[in-house]
Amino acid sequence: MAELSVGVQNANTYSGDRQVALTSLSKTNMTQDELDSCIQFIQLTATVIGIGDDTAGGFNAGASDVVHVLSEGAAPAAGSNFGGVTGVTAAVVAYFENLT
């Protein structure tokens, strides 16, 4: 884990035991039901704090191929058929914890 040097920290640096993960969900032409199932799976261990995707104007059911989920809590276990959803592959793109 990367740590901030004392000289780099300032009043705007959050320090605590917070864990934040950026997870990508990938599937060609993901449906709303598939996205909902993946989000519900992440919510078993974390709080979802943001969702964004690769298309203009937000998630487009049947058209979006990559969705990014920002969550607070334990990072979801990445892999294929994520959360039991056939064809969805998840990858934890970034994981932030315990910034000290």
PDB file of N, CA and C in Angstrom:
ATOM      1  N   MET A   1       0.832  -1.166   0.000  1.00  0.00           N
ATOM      2  CA  MET A   1       0.000   0.000   0.000  1.00  0.00           C
ATOM      3  C   MET A   1       0.883   1.238   0.000  1.00  0.00           C
ATOM      4  N   ALA A   2       0.541   2.202  -0.816  1.00  0.00           N
ATOM      5  CA  ALA A   2       1.276   3.462  -0.849  1.00  0.00           C
ATOM      6  C   ALA A   2       0.890   4.316   0.351  1.00  0.00           C
ATOM      7  N   GLU A   3       1.856   5.029   0.896  1.00  0.00           N
ATOM      8  CA  GLU A   3       1.593   5.916   2.025  1.00  0.00           C
ATOM      9  C   GLU A   3       2.098   7.306   1.696  1.00  0.00           C
ATOM     10  N   LEU A   4       1.401   8.323   2.187  1.00  0.00           N
ATOM     11  CA  LEU A   4       1.823   9.706   1.984  1.00  0.00           C
ATOM     12  C   LEU A   4       2.875  10.084   3.019  1.00  0.00           C
ATOM     13  N   SER A   5       3.944  10.683   2.555  1.00  0.00           N
ATOM     14  CA  SER A   5       4.969  11.174   3.469  1.00  0.00           C
ATOM     15  C   SER A   5       4.390  12.312   4.292  1.00  0.00           C
ATOM     16  N   VAL A   6       4.925  12.510   5.490  1.00  0.00           N
ATOM     17  CA  VAL A   6       4.420  13.538   6.386  1.00  0.00           C
ATOM     18  C   VAL A   6       4.421  14.903   5.713  1.00  0.00           C
ATOM     19  N   GLY A   7       5.436  15.238   4.950  1.00  0.00           N
ATOM     20  CA  GLY A   7       5.508  16.535   4.286  1.00  0.00           C
ATOM     21  C   GLY A   7       4.475  16.712   3.179  1.00  0.00           C
ATOM     22  N   VAL A   8       3.860  15.619   2.715  1.00  0.00           N
ATOM     23  CA  VAL A   8       2.898  15.671   1.623  1.00  0.00           C
ATOM     24  C   VAL A   8       1.472  15.820   2.157  1.00  0.00           C
ATOM     25  N   GLN A   9       1.219  15.346   3.359  1.00  0.00           N
ATOM     26  CA  GLN A   9      -0.115  15.415   3.941  1.00  0.00           C
ATOM     27  C   GLN A   9      -0.500  16.858   4.242  1.00  0.00           C
ATOM     28  N   ASN A  10      -1.784  17.154   4.155  1.00  0.00           N
ATOM     29  CA  ASN A  10      -2.278  18.468   4.548  1.00  0.00           C
ATOM     30  C   ASN A  10      -3.659  18.308   5.160  1.00  0.00           C
ATOM     31  N   ALA A  11      -4.305  19.399   5.475  1.00  0.00           N
ATOM     32  CA  ALA A  11      -5.610  19.342   6.142  1.00  0.00           C
ATOM     33  C   ALA A  11      -6.679  18.686   5.283  1.00  0.00           C
ATOM     34  N   ASN A  12      -6.462  18.605   3.967  1.00  0.00           N
ATOM     35  CA  ASN A  12      -7.446  18.011   3.073  1.00  0.00           C
ATOM     36  C   ASN A  12      -7.219  16.519   2.840  1.00  0.00           C
ATOM     37  N   THR A  13      -6.210  15.948   3.468  1.00  0.00           N
ATOM     38  CA  THR A  13      -5.921  14.531   3.312  1.00  0.00           C
ATOM     39  C   THR A  13      -6.760  13.734   4.298  1.00  0.00           C
ATOM     40  N   TYR A  14      -7.514  12.788   3.776  1.00  0.00           N
ATOM     41  CA  TYR A  14      -8.314  11.942   4.661  1.00  0.00           C
ATOM     42  C   TYR A  14      -7.429  10.855   5.239  1.00  0.00           C
ATOM     43  N   SER A  15      -7.493  10.686   6.515  1.00  0.00           N
ATOM     44  CA  SER A  15      -6.721   9.649   7.176  1.00  0.00           C
ATOM     45  C   SER A  15      -7.674   8.839   8.040  1.00  0.00           C
ATOM     46  N   GLY A  16      -7.728   7.580   7.814  1.00  0.00           N
ATOM     47  CA  GLY A  16      -8.622   6.735   8.584  1.00  0.00           C
ATOM     48  C   GLY A  16      -8.632   5.329   8.035  1.00  0.00           C
ATOM     49  N   ASP A  17      -9.606   4.567   8.438  1.00  0.00           N
ATOM     50  CA  ASP A  17      -9.650   3.167   8.030  1.00  0.00           C
ATOM     51  C   ASP A  17     -10.643   2.926   6.895  1.00  0.00           C
ATOM     52  N   ARG A  18     -10.912   3.947   6.138  1.00  0.00           N
ATOM     53  CA  ARG A  18     -11.855   3.868   5.027  1.00  0.00           C
ATOM     54  C   ARG A  18     -11.248   3.072   3.872  1.00  0.00           C
ATOM     55  N   GLN A  19     -12.073   2.251   3.215  1.00  0.00           N
ATOM     56  CA  GLN A  19     -11.643   1.479   2.052  1.00  0.00           C
ATOM     57  C   GLN A  19     -12.549   1.844   0.884  1.00  0.00           C
ATOM     58  N   VAL A  20     -11.958   2.256  -0.230  1.00  0.00           N
ATOM     59  CA  VAL A  20     -12.728   2.640  -1.410  1.00  0.00           C
ATOM     60  C   VAL A  20     -12.178   1.873  -2.612  1.00  0.00           C
ATOM     61  N   ALA A  21     -13.082   1.260  -3.370  1.00  0.00           N
ATOM     62  CA  ALA A  21     -12.679   0.472  -4.543  1.00  0.00           C
ATOM     63  C   ALA A  21     -13.338   1.033  -5.796  1.00  0.00           C
ATOM     64  N   LEU A  22     -12.597   1.033  -6.895  1.00  0.00           N
ATOM     65  CA  LEU A  22     -13.131   1.344  -8.213  1.00  0.00           C
ATOM     66  C   LEU A  22     -13.115   0.038  -8.996  1.00  0.00           C
ATOM     67  N   THR A  23     -14.296  -0.444  -9.324  1.00  0.00           N
ATOM     68  CA  THR A  23     -14.440  -1.737  -9.985  1.00  0.00           C
ATOM     69  C   THR A  23     -15.064  -1.540 -11.361  1.00  0.00           C
ATOM     70  N   SER A  24     -14.498  -2.193 -12.371  1.00  0.00           N
ATOM     71  CA  SER A  24     -15.104  -2.138 -13.704  1.00  0.00           C
ATOM     72  C   SER A  24     -15.866  -3.433 -13.954  1.00  0.00           C
ATOM     73  N   LEU A  25     -17.051  -3.288 -14.521  1.00  0.00           N
ATOM     74  CA  LEU A  25     -17.879  -4.423 -14.927  1.00  0.00           C
ATOM     75  C   LEU A  25     -17.948  -4.391 -16.445  1.00  0.00           C
ATOM     76  N   SER A  26     -17.571  -5.477 -17.092  1.00  0.00           N
ATOM     77  CA  SER A  26     -17.511  -5.488 -18.554  1.00  0.00           C
ATOM     78  C   SER A  26     -18.357  -6.607 -19.138  1.00  0.00           C
ATOM     79  N   LYS A  27     -19.169  -6.254 -20.108  1.00  0.00           N
ATOM     80  CA  LYS A  27     -19.929  -7.214 -20.905  1.00  0.00           C
ATOM     81  C   LYS A  27     -20.511  -6.466 -22.096  1.00  0.00           C
ATOM     82  N   THR A  28     -20.431  -7.042 -23.260  1.00  0.00           N
ATOM     83  CA  THR A  28     -21.004  -6.424 -24.442  1.00  0.00           C
ATOM     84  C   THR A  28     -22.512  -6.307 -24.282  1.00  0.00           C
ATOM     85  N   ASN A  29     -23.019  -5.088 -24.457  1.00  0.00           N
ATOM     86  CA  ASN A  29     -24.463  -4.825 -24.408  1.00  0.00           C
ATOM     87  C   ASN A  29     -25.116  -5.284 -23.098  1.00  0.00           C
ATOM     88  N   MET A  30     -24.543  -4.853 -21.974  1.00  0.00           N
ATOM     89  CA  MET A  30     -25.058  -5.225 -20.655  1.00  0.00           C
ATOM     90  C   MET A  30     -26.505  -4.746 -20.484  1.00  0.00           C
ATOM     91  N   THR A  31     -27.336  -5.596 -19.900  1.00  0.00           N
ATOM     92  CA  THR A  31     -28.736  -5.231 -19.665  1.00  0.00           C
ATOM     93  C   THR A  31     -28.900  -4.596 -18.288  1.00  0.00           C
ATOM     94  N   GLN A  32     -30.038  -3.972 -18.063  1.00  0.00           N
ATOM     95  CA  GLN A  32     -30.332  -3.374 -16.761  1.00  0.00           C
ATOM     96  C   GLN A  32     -30.385  -4.445 -15.676  1.00  0.00           C
ATOM     97  N   ASP A  33     -30.991  -5.592 -15.975  1.00  0.00           N
ATOM     98  CA  ASP A  33     -31.069  -6.672 -14.987  1.00  0.00           C
ATOM     99  C   ASP A  33     -29.686  -7.183 -14.607  1.00  0.00           C
ATOM    100  N   GLU A  34     -28.789  -7.289 -15.586  1.00  0.00           N
ATOM    101  CA  GLU A  34     -27.422  -7.740 -15.299  1.00  0.00           C
ATOM    102  C   GLU A  34     -26.702  -6.729 -14.415  1.00  0.00           C
ATOM    103  N   LEU A  35     -26.845  -5.450 -14.739  1.00  0.00           N
ATOM    104  CA  LEU A  35     -26.221  -4.416 -13.919  1.00  0.00           C
ATOM    105  C   LEU A  35     -26.790  -4.443 -12.503  1.00  0.00           C
ATOM    106  N   ASP A  36     -28.111  -4.529 -12.381  1.00  0.00           N
ATOM    107  CA  ASP A  36     -28.747  -4.563 -11.058  1.00  0.00           C
ATOM    108  C   ASP A  36     -28.219  -5.723 -10.224  1.00  0.00           C
ATOM    109  N   SER A  37     -28.067  -6.894 -10.844  1.00  0.00           N
ATOM    110  CA  SER A  37     -27.568  -8.071 -10.119  1.00  0.00           C
ATOM    111  C   SER A  37     -26.133  -7.864  -9.643  1.00  0.00           C
ATOM    112  N   CYS A  38     -25.305  -7.257 -10.481  1.00  0.00           N
ATOM    113  CA  CYS A  38     -23.916  -6.988 -10.099  1.00  0.00           C
ATOM    114  C   CYS A  38     -23.848  -5.989  -8.957  1.00  0.00           C
ATOM    115  N   ILE A  39     -24.658  -4.941  -9.021  1.00  0.00           N
ATOM    116  CA  ILE A  39     -24.671  -3.933  -7.963  1.00  0.00           C
ATOM    117  C   ILE A  39     -25.142  -4.552  -6.652  1.00  0.00           C
ATOM    118  N   GLN A  40     -26.162  -5.381  -6.714  1.00  0.00           N
ATOM    119  CA  GLN A  40     -26.654  -6.048  -5.505  1.00  0.00           C
ATOM    120  C   GLN A  40     -25.588  -6.956  -4.914  1.00  0.00           C
ATOM    121  N   PHE A  41     -24.785  -7.602  -5.755  1.00  0.00           N
ATOM    122  CA  PHE A  41     -23.705  -8.460  -5.275  1.00  0.00           C
ATOM    123  C   PHE A  41     -22.647  -7.629  -4.551  1.00  0.00           C
ATOM    124  N   ILE A  42     -22.280  -6.491  -5.117  1.00  0.00           N
ATOM    125  CA  ILE A  42     -21.301  -5.616  -4.462  1.00  0.00           C
ATOM    126  C   ILE A  42     -21.840  -5.136  -3.127  1.00  0.00           C
ATOM    127  N   GLN A  43     -23.137  -4.854  -3.063  1.00  0.00           N
ATOM    128  CA  GLN A  43     -23.744  -4.333  -1.848  1.00  0.00           C
ATOM    129  C   GLN A  43     -23.832  -5.368  -0.723  1.00  0.00           C
ATOM    130  N   LEU A  44     -23.473  -6.601  -0.995  1.00  0.00           N
ATOM    131  CA  LEU A  44     -23.418  -7.598   0.078  1.00  0.00           C
ATOM    132  C   LEU A  44     -22.295  -7.277   1.060  1.00  0.00           C
ATOM    133  N   THR A  45     -21.225  -6.627   0.574  1.00  0.00           N
ATOM    134  CA  THR A  45     -20.066  -6.355   1.426  1.00  0.00           C
ATOM    135  C   THR A  45     -19.630  -4.895   1.429  1.00  0.00           C
ATOM    136  N   ALA A  46     -20.280  -4.044   0.642  1.00  0.00           N
ATOM    137  CA  ALA A  46     -19.842  -2.654   0.523  1.00  0.00           C
ATOM    138  C   ALA A  46     -21.037  -1.757   0.214  1.00  0.00           C
ATOM    139  N   THR A  47     -20.812  -0.455   0.331  1.00  0.00           N
ATOM    140  CA  THR A  47     -21.810   0.548  -0.017  1.00  0.00           C
ATOM    141  C   THR A  47     -21.430   1.155  -1.359  1.00  0.00           C
ATOM    142  N   VAL A  48     -22.331   1.111  -2.318  1.00  0.00           N
ATOM    143  CA  VAL A  48     -22.071   1.698  -3.625  1.00  0.00           C
ATOM    144  C   VAL A  48     -22.262   3.206  -3.512  1.00  0.00           C
ATOM    145  N   ILE A  49     -21.233   3.960  -3.907  1.00  0.00           N
ATOM    146  CA  ILE A  49     -21.303   5.416  -3.788  1.00  0.00           C
ATOM    147  C   ILE A  49     -21.296   6.119  -5.140  1.00  0.00           C
ATOM    148  N   GLY A  50     -21.126   5.380  -6.219  1.00  0.00           N
ATOM    149  CA  GLY A  50     -21.175   5.986  -7.537  1.00  0.00           C
ATOM    150  C   GLY A  50     -21.128   4.947  -8.633  1.00  0.00           C
ATOM    151  N   ILE A  51     -21.810   5.241  -9.751  1.00  0.00           N
ATOM    152  CA  ILE A  51     -21.815   4.356 -10.912  1.00  0.00           C
ATOM    153  C   ILE A  51     -21.674   5.220 -12.161  1.00  0.00           C
ATOM    154  N   GLY A  52     -20.775   4.848 -13.052  1.00  0.00           N
ATOM    155  CA  GLY A  52     -20.589   5.548 -14.317  1.00  0.00           C
ATOM    156  C   GLY A  52     -20.331   4.530 -15.409  1.00  0.00           C
ATOM    157  N   ASP A  53     -20.503   4.931 -16.668  1.00  0.00           N
ATOM    158  CA  ASP A  53     -20.256   3.969 -17.736  1.00  0.00           C
ATOM    159  C   ASP A  53     -19.529   4.592 -18.908  1.00  0.00           C
ATOM    160  N   ASP A  54     -19.392   3.808 -19.985  1.00  0.00           N
ATOM    161  CA  ASP A  54     -18.586   4.204 -21.133  1.00  0.00           C
ATOM    162  C   ASP A  54     -19.381   4.886 -22.240  1.00  0.00           C
ATOM    163  N   THR A  55     -20.661   5.170 -22.021  1.00  0.00           N
ATOM    164  CA  THR A  55     -21.449   5.811 -23.070  1.00  0.00           C
ATOM    165  C   THR A  55     -21.900   7.194 -22.629  1.00  0.00           C
ATOM    166  N   ALA A  56     -22.148   8.048 -23.590  1.00  0.00           N
ATOM    167  CA  ALA A  56     -22.616   9.397 -23.284  1.00  0.00           C
ATOM    168  C   ALA A  56     -24.031   9.335 -22.726  1.00  0.00           C
ATOM    169  N   GLY A  57     -24.296  10.149 -21.723  1.00  0.00           N
ATOM    170  CA  GLY A  57     -25.643  10.234 -21.184  1.00  0.00           C
ATOM    171  C   GLY A  57     -25.976   9.197 -20.137  1.00  0.00           C
ATOM    172  N   GLY A  58     -24.992   8.451 -19.642  1.00  0.00           N
ATOM    173  CA  GLY A  58     -25.264   7.467 -18.595  1.00  0.00           C
ATOM    174  C   GLY A  58     -25.486   6.072 -19.147  1.00  0.00           C
ATOM    175  N   PHE A  59     -25.847   5.162 -18.263  1.00  0.00           N
ATOM    176  CA  PHE A  59     -26.022   3.760 -18.635  1.00  0.00           C
ATOM    177  C   PHE A  59     -27.130   3.604 -19.674  1.00  0.00           C
ATOM    178  N   ASN A  60     -26.819   2.878 -20.731  1.00  0.00           N
ATOM    179  CA  ASN A  60     -27.791   2.579 -21.780  1.00  0.00           C
ATOM    180  C   ASN A  60     -27.980   1.072 -21.835  1.00  0.00           C
ATOM    181  N   ALA A  61     -29.079   0.584 -21.291  1.00  0.00           N
ATOM    182  CA  ALA A  61     -29.346  -0.855 -21.263  1.00  0.00           C
ATOM    183  C   ALA A  61     -29.256  -1.435 -22.671  1.00  0.00           C
ATOM    184  N   GLY A  62     -28.509  -2.506 -22.795  1.00  0.00           N
ATOM    185  CA  GLY A  62     -28.342  -3.165 -24.084  1.00  0.00           C
ATOM    186  C   GLY A  62     -27.310  -2.510 -24.984  1.00  0.00           C
ATOM    187  N   ALA A  63     -26.680  -1.411 -24.526  1.00  0.00           N
ATOM    188  CA  ALA A  63     -25.673  -0.726 -25.337  1.00  0.00           C
ATOM    189  C   ALA A  63     -24.361  -0.525 -24.591  1.00  0.00           C
ATOM    190  N   SER A  64     -24.420  -0.325 -23.277  1.00  0.00           N
ATOM    191  CA  SER A  64     -23.199  -0.091 -22.496  1.00  0.00           C
ATOM    192  C   SER A  64     -22.382  -1.374 -22.387  1.00  0.00           C
ATOM    193  N   ASP A  65     -21.067  -1.228 -22.535  1.00  0.00           N
ATOM    194  CA  ASP A  65     -20.163  -2.378 -22.459  1.00  0.00           C
ATOM    195  C   ASP A  65     -19.307  -2.395 -21.203  1.00  0.00           C
ATOM    196  N   VAL A  66     -19.056  -1.224 -20.618  1.00  0.00           N
ATOM    197  CA  VAL A  66     -18.227  -1.128 -19.418  1.00  0.00           C
ATOM    198  C   VAL A  66     -18.903  -0.168 -18.442  1.00  0.00           C
ATOM    199  N   VAL A  67     -19.058  -0.637 -17.201  1.00  0.00           N
ATOM    200  CA  VAL A  67     -19.639   0.191 -16.150  1.00  0.00           C
ATOM    201  C   VAL A  67     -18.635   0.236 -15.004  1.00  0.00           C
ATOM    202  N   HIS A  68     -18.399   1.423 -14.454  1.00  0.00           N
ATOM    203  CA  HIS A  68     -17.467   1.593 -13.344  1.00  0.00           C
ATOM    204  C   HIS A  68     -18.263   1.845 -12.073  1.00  0.00           C
ATOM    205  N   VAL A  69     -17.909   1.120 -11.015  1.00  0.00           N
ATOM    206  CA  VAL A  69     -18.621   1.228  -9.745  1.00  0.00           C
ATOM    207  C   VAL A  69     -17.634   1.653  -8.666  1.00  0.00           C
ATOM    208  N   LEU A  70     -17.975   2.720  -7.970  1.00  0.00           N
ATOM    209  CA  LEU A  70     -17.187   3.201  -6.843  1.00  0.00           C
ATOM    210  C   LEU A  70     -17.892   2.731  -5.575  1.00  0.00           C
ATOM    211  N   SER A  71     -17.169   2.009  -4.726  1.00  0.00           N
ATOM    212  CA  SER A  71     -17.802   1.472  -3.521  1.00  0.00           C
ATOM    213  C   SER A  71     -16.917   1.696  -2.307  1.00  0.00           C
ATOM    214  N   GLU A  72     -17.556   1.784  -1.149  1.00  0.00           N
ATOM    215  CA  GLU A  72     -16.848   1.924   0.114  1.00  0.00           C
ATOM    216  C   GLU A  72     -17.038   0.641   0.904  1.00  0.00           C
ATOM    217  N   GLY A  73     -15.935   0.068   1.336  1.00  0.00           N
ATOM    218  CA  GLY A  73     -15.958  -1.205   2.053  1.00  0.00           C
ATOM    219  C   GLY A  73     -14.990  -2.160   1.377  1.00  0.00           C
ATOM    220  N   ALA A  74     -15.122  -3.402   1.682  1.00  0.00           N
ATOM    221  CA  ALA A  74     -14.230  -4.412   1.099  1.00  0.00           C
ATOM    222  C   ALA A  74     -14.362  -4.429  -0.416  1.00  0.00           C
ATOM    223  N   ALA A  75     -13.231  -4.580  -1.106  1.00  0.00           N
ATOM    224  CA  ALA A  75     -13.264  -4.675  -2.564  1.00  0.00           C
ATOM    225  C   ALA A  75     -13.935  -5.980  -2.963  1.00  0.00           C
ATOM    226  N   PRO A  76     -14.788  -5.932  -3.974  1.00  0.00           N
ATOM    227  CA  PRO A  76     -15.444  -7.169  -4.403  1.00  0.00           C
ATOM    228  C   PRO A  76     -14.438  -8.129  -5.024  1.00  0.00           C
ATOM    229  N   ALA A  77     -14.710  -9.411  -4.910  1.00  0.00           N
ATOM    230  CA  ALA A  77     -13.856 -10.415  -5.543  1.00  0.00           C
ATOM    231  C   ALA A  77     -14.055 -10.316  -7.051  1.00  0.00           C
ATOM    232  N   ALA A  78     -12.990 -10.020  -7.778  1.00  0.00           N
ATOM    233  CA  ALA A  78     -13.083  -9.825  -9.221  1.00  0.00           C
ATOM    234  C   ALA A  78     -13.045 -11.165  -9.947  1.00  0.00           C
ATOM    235  N   GLY A  79     -13.480 -11.156 -11.184  1.00  0.00           N
ATOM    236  CA  GLY A  79     -13.414 -12.353 -12.001  1.00  0.00           C
ATOM    237  C   GLY A  79     -14.551 -12.418 -13.000  1.00  0.00           C
ATOM    238  N   SER A  80     -14.626 -13.553 -13.688  1.00  0.00           N
ATOM    239  CA  SER A  80     -15.665 -13.732 -14.694  1.00  0.00           C
ATOM    240  C   SER A  80     -16.954 -14.226 -14.053  1.00  0.00           C
ATOM    241  N   ASN A  81     -18.054 -14.050 -14.776  1.00  0.00           N
ATOM    242  CA  ASN A  81     -19.387 -14.404 -14.274  1.00  0.00           C
ATOM    243  C   ASN A  81     -19.611 -13.802 -12.886  1.00  0.00           C
ATOM    244  N   PHE A  82     -19.289 -12.514 -12.790  1.00  0.00           N
ATOM    245  CA  PHE A  82     -19.307 -11.779 -11.534  1.00  0.00           C
ATOM    246  C   PHE A  82     -20.673 -11.832 -10.862  1.00  0.00           C
ATOM    247  N   GLY A  83     -20.673 -12.204  -9.613  1.00  0.00           N
ATOM    248  CA  GLY A  83     -21.913 -12.261  -8.846  1.00  0.00           C
ATOM    249  C   GLY A  83     -22.921 -13.247  -9.410  1.00  0.00           C
ATOM    250  N   GLY A  84     -22.439 -14.212 -10.190  1.00  0.00           N
ATOM    251  CA  GLY A  84     -23.328 -15.192 -10.794  1.00  0.00           C
ATOM    252  C   GLY A  84     -23.982 -14.728 -12.086  1.00  0.00           C
ATOM    253  N   VAL A  85     -23.553 -13.567 -12.590  1.00  0.00           N
ATOM    254  CA  VAL A  85     -24.121 -13.029 -13.824  1.00  0.00           C
ATOM    255  C   VAL A  85     -23.261 -13.494 -15.003  1.00  0.00           C
ATOM    256  N   THR A  86     -23.810 -14.362 -15.831  1.00  0.00           N
ATOM    257  CA  THR A  86     -23.085 -14.944 -16.948  1.00  0.00           C
ATOM    258  C   THR A  86     -22.573 -13.869 -17.904  1.00  0.00           C
ATOM    259  N   GLY A  87     -21.279 -13.935 -18.192  1.00  0.00           N
ATOM    260  CA  GLY A  87     -20.678 -13.047 -19.173  1.00  0.00           C
ATOM    261  C   GLY A  87     -20.124 -11.749 -18.631  1.00  0.00           C
ATOM    262  N   VAL A  88     -20.445 -11.391 -17.394  1.00  0.00           N
ATOM    263  CA  VAL A  88     -19.920 -10.145 -16.823  1.00  0.00           C
ATOM    264  C   VAL A  88     -18.575 -10.433 -16.158  1.00  0.00           C
ATOM    265  N   THR A  89     -17.578  -9.658 -16.541  1.00  0.00           N
ATOM    266  CA  THR A  89     -16.250  -9.780 -15.941  1.00  0.00           C
ATOM    267  C   THR A  89     -15.981  -8.527 -15.117  1.00  0.00           C
ATOM    268  N   ALA A  90     -15.510  -8.734 -13.893  1.00  0.00           N
ATOM    269  CA  ALA A  90     -15.212  -7.614 -12.999  1.00  0.00           C
ATOM    270  C   ALA A  90     -13.714  -7.544 -12.741  1.00  0.00           C
ATOM    271  N   ALA A  91     -13.224  -6.310 -12.630  1.00  0.00           N
ATOM    272  CA  ALA A  91     -11.826  -6.076 -12.271  1.00  0.00           C
ATOM    273  C   ALA A  91     -11.776  -4.896 -11.310  1.00  0.00           C
ATOM    274  N   VAL A  92     -11.030  -5.058 -10.227  1.00  0.00           N
ATOM    275  CA  VAL A  92     -10.825  -3.940  -9.306  1.00  0.00           C
ATOM    276  C   VAL A  92      -9.704  -3.094  -9.906  1.00  0.00           C
ATOM    277  N   VAL A  93     -10.071  -1.943 -10.452  1.00  0.00           N
ATOM    278  CA  VAL A  93      -9.141  -1.071 -11.155  1.00  0.00           C
ATOM    279  C   VAL A  93      -8.245  -0.319 -10.177  1.00  0.00           C
ATOM    280  N   ALA A  94      -8.814   0.106  -9.057  1.00  0.00           N
ATOM    281  CA  ALA A  94      -8.053   0.811  -8.031  1.00  0.00           C
ATOM    282  C   ALA A  94      -8.673   0.518  -6.670  1.00  0.00           C
ATOM    283  N   TYR A  95      -7.824   0.452  -5.651  1.00  0.00           N
ATOM    284  CA  TYR A  95      -8.279   0.184  -4.289  1.00  0.00           C
ATOM    285  C   TYR A  95      -7.509   1.076  -3.345  1.00  0.00           C
ATOM    286  N   PHE A  96      -8.231   1.876  -2.580  1.00  0.00           N
ATOM    287  CA  PHE A  96      -7.625   2.822  -1.653  1.00  0.00           C
ATOM    288  C   PHE A  96      -8.004   2.439  -0.236  1.00  0.00           C
ATOM    289  N   GLU A  97      -7.014   2.368   0.648  1.00  0.00           N
ATOM    290  CA  GLU A  97      -7.318   2.045   2.037  1.00  0.00           C
ATOM    291  C   GLU A  97      -6.324   2.707   2.968  1.00  0.00           C
ATOM    292  N   ASN A  98      -6.819   3.033   4.157  1.00  0.00           N
ATOM    293  CA  ASN A  98      -5.969   3.516   5.251  1.00  0.00           C
ATOM    294  C   ASN A  98      -4.916   4.532   4.830  1.00  0.00           C
ATOM    295  N   LEU A  99      -5.343   5.651   4.282  1.00  0.00           N
ATOM    296  CA  LEU A  99      -4.388   6.691   3.913  1.00  0.00           C
ATOM    297  C   LEU A  99      -3.820   7.316   5.183  1.00  0.00           C
ATOM    298  N   THR A 100      -2.554   7.077   5.415  1.00  0.00           N
ATOM    299  CA  THR A 100      -1.922   7.602   6.623  1.00  0.00           C
ATOM    300  C   THR A 100      -0.731   8.454   6.287  1.00  0.00           C
TER     301      THR A 100
END
